[in-house]
């Protein structure tokens, strides 16, 4: 049930997103989407890449911001919860 609901919400976001960041300029929503998509990729990378290309573009654009990229590659980055 949650998967169907989530897909519906992601489809709406996909439809409303611009081709750059969600609102064309970077916003707090882009950071939220980045974190959300990060975890969704763990669960269903193929589905995200196939069904939500605009959201994946936003994710990749966010992942390539130098400060985010540096953090993701640092020891400070939380990669697992014990």
C-alpha atoms as a PDB file:
ATOM      1  CA  UNK A   1       0.000   0.000   0.000  1.00  0.00           C
ATOM      2  CA  UNK A   2       2.738   2.490   0.933  1.00  0.00           C
ATOM      3  CA  UNK A   3       4.556   1.803  -2.343  1.00  0.00           C
ATOM      4  CA  UNK A   4       1.484   2.733  -4.388  1.00  0.00           C
ATOM      5  CA  UNK A   5       0.987   5.926  -2.366  1.00  0.00           C
ATOM      6  CA  UNK A   6       4.663   6.845  -2.637  1.00  0.00           C
ATOM      7  CA  UNK A   7       4.690   6.232  -6.390  1.00  0.00           C
ATOM      8  CA  UNK A   8       1.671   8.500  -6.778  1.00  0.00           C
ATOM      9  CA  UNK A   9       3.391  11.304  -4.836  1.00  0.00           C
ATOM     10  CA  UNK A  10       6.670  10.889  -6.706  1.00  0.00           C
ATOM     11  CA  UNK A  11       4.797  10.963 -10.019  1.00  0.00           C
ATOM     12  CA  UNK A  12       3.243  14.295  -9.031  1.00  0.00           C
ATOM     13  CA  UNK A  13       6.643  15.704  -8.047  1.00  0.00           C
ATOM     14  CA  UNK A  14       8.145  14.405 -11.300  1.00  0.00           C
ATOM     15  CA  UNK A  15       5.427  16.167 -13.297  1.00  0.00           C
ATOM     16  CA  UNK A  16       5.862  19.480 -11.443  1.00  0.00           C
ATOM     17  CA  UNK A  17       9.664  19.595 -11.293  1.00  0.00           C
ATOM     18  CA  UNK A  18      11.670  21.829 -13.589  1.00  0.00           C
ATOM     19  CA  UNK A  19      14.636  20.500 -15.570  1.00  0.00           C
ATOM     20  CA  UNK A  20      17.215  22.020 -13.230  1.00  0.00           C
ATOM     21  CA  UNK A  21      16.231  22.157  -9.581  1.00  0.00           C
ATOM     22  CA  UNK A  22      12.647  21.725  -8.431  1.00  0.00           C
ATOM     23  CA  UNK A  23      11.810  25.437  -8.733  1.00  0.00           C
ATOM     24  CA  UNK A  24      14.567  26.165 -11.317  1.00  0.00           C
ATOM     25  CA  UNK A  25      16.705  27.742  -8.559  1.00  0.00           C
ATOM     26  CA  UNK A  26      18.053  25.642  -5.692  1.00  0.00           C
ATOM     27  CA  UNK A  27      15.734  25.608  -2.673  1.00  0.00           C
ATOM     28  CA  UNK A  28      15.226  23.779   0.585  1.00  0.00           C
ATOM     29  CA  UNK A  29      12.953  21.345  -1.256  1.00  0.00           C
ATOM     30  CA  UNK A  30      15.892  20.201  -3.387  1.00  0.00           C
ATOM     31  CA  UNK A  31      17.810  19.209  -0.241  1.00  0.00           C
ATOM     32  CA  UNK A  32      14.767  17.320   1.035  1.00  0.00           C
ATOM     33  CA  UNK A  33      14.369  15.528  -2.315  1.00  0.00           C
ATOM     34  CA  UNK A  34      18.066  14.675  -2.356  1.00  0.00           C
ATOM     35  CA  UNK A  35      17.872  12.974   1.037  1.00  0.00           C
ATOM     36  CA  UNK A  36      14.612  11.210   0.212  1.00  0.00           C
ATOM     37  CA  UNK A  37      15.823   9.945  -3.156  1.00  0.00           C
ATOM     38  CA  UNK A  38      19.118   8.853  -1.566  1.00  0.00           C
ATOM     39  CA  UNK A  39      17.213   6.355   0.571  1.00  0.00           C
ATOM     40  CA  UNK A  40      14.761   5.383  -2.174  1.00  0.00           C
ATOM     41  CA  UNK A  41      17.709   4.444  -4.392  1.00  0.00           C
ATOM     42  CA  UNK A  42      18.732   1.882  -1.797  1.00  0.00           C
ATOM     43  CA  UNK A  43      15.284   0.309  -1.976  1.00  0.00           C
ATOM     44  CA  UNK A  44      14.591   0.587  -5.704  1.00  0.00           C
ATOM     45  CA  UNK A  45      17.301   2.126  -7.874  1.00  0.00           C
ATOM     46  CA  UNK A  46      15.956   0.719 -11.158  1.00  0.00           C
ATOM     47  CA  UNK A  47      12.436   2.036 -10.543  1.00  0.00           C
ATOM     48  CA  UNK A  48      13.702   5.502  -9.608  1.00  0.00           C
ATOM     49  CA  UNK A  49      15.939   5.743 -12.675  1.00  0.00           C
ATOM     50  CA  UNK A  50      13.261   4.406 -15.043  1.00  0.00           C
ATOM     51  CA  UNK A  51      10.136   6.170 -13.772  1.00  0.00           C
ATOM     52  CA  UNK A  52      11.451   9.452 -12.362  1.00  0.00           C
ATOM     53  CA  UNK A  53      14.165  10.881 -14.652  1.00  0.00           C
ATOM     54  CA  UNK A  54      13.568  14.527 -13.642  1.00  0.00           C
ATOM     55  CA  UNK A  55      13.845  13.697  -9.950  1.00  0.00           C
ATOM     56  CA  UNK A  56      17.017  11.752 -10.692  1.00  0.00           C
ATOM     57  CA  UNK A  57      18.412  14.791 -12.553  1.00  0.00           C
ATOM     58  CA  UNK A  58      17.772  16.904  -9.457  1.00  0.00           C
ATOM     59  CA  UNK A  59      19.370  14.223  -7.276  1.00  0.00           C
ATOM     60  CA  UNK A  60      22.470  14.049  -9.488  1.00  0.00           C
ATOM     61  CA  UNK A  61      22.742  17.824  -9.703  1.00  0.00           C
ATOM     62  CA  UNK A  62      22.588  18.045  -5.891  1.00  0.00           C
ATOM     63  CA  UNK A  63      25.098  15.190  -5.504  1.00  0.00           C
ATOM     64  CA  UNK A  64      27.577  17.120  -7.663  1.00  0.00           C
ATOM     65  CA  UNK A  65      27.498  20.309  -5.617  1.00  0.00           C
ATOM     66  CA  UNK A  66      31.118  20.460  -4.403  1.00  0.00           C
ATOM     67  CA  UNK A  67      30.248  20.833  -0.704  1.00  0.00           C
ATOM     68  CA  UNK A  68      27.766  17.951  -0.784  1.00  0.00           C
ATOM     69  CA  UNK A  69      30.160  15.771  -2.749  1.00  0.00           C
ATOM     70  CA  UNK A  70      32.958  16.513  -0.260  1.00  0.00           C
ATOM     71  CA  UNK A  71      30.701  15.698   2.695  1.00  0.00           C
ATOM     72  CA  UNK A  72      29.494  12.430   1.106  1.00  0.00           C
ATOM     73  CA  UNK A  73      33.133  11.373   0.661  1.00  0.00           C
ATOM     74  CA  UNK A  74      34.225  12.441   4.151  1.00  0.00           C
ATOM     75  CA  UNK A  75      34.391  10.475   7.392  1.00  0.00           C
ATOM     76  CA  UNK A  76      31.672  12.776   8.766  1.00  0.00           C
ATOM     77  CA  UNK A  77      29.103  11.295   6.390  1.00  0.00           C
ATOM     78  CA  UNK A  78      26.694   8.922   8.119  1.00  0.00           C
ATOM     79  CA  UNK A  79      26.490   5.806   5.967  1.00  0.00           C
ATOM     80  CA  UNK A  80      24.878   3.402   8.412  1.00  0.00           C
ATOM     81  CA  UNK A  81      22.962   3.374  11.645  1.00  0.00           C
ATOM     82  CA  UNK A  82      24.034   0.923  14.299  1.00  0.00           C
END
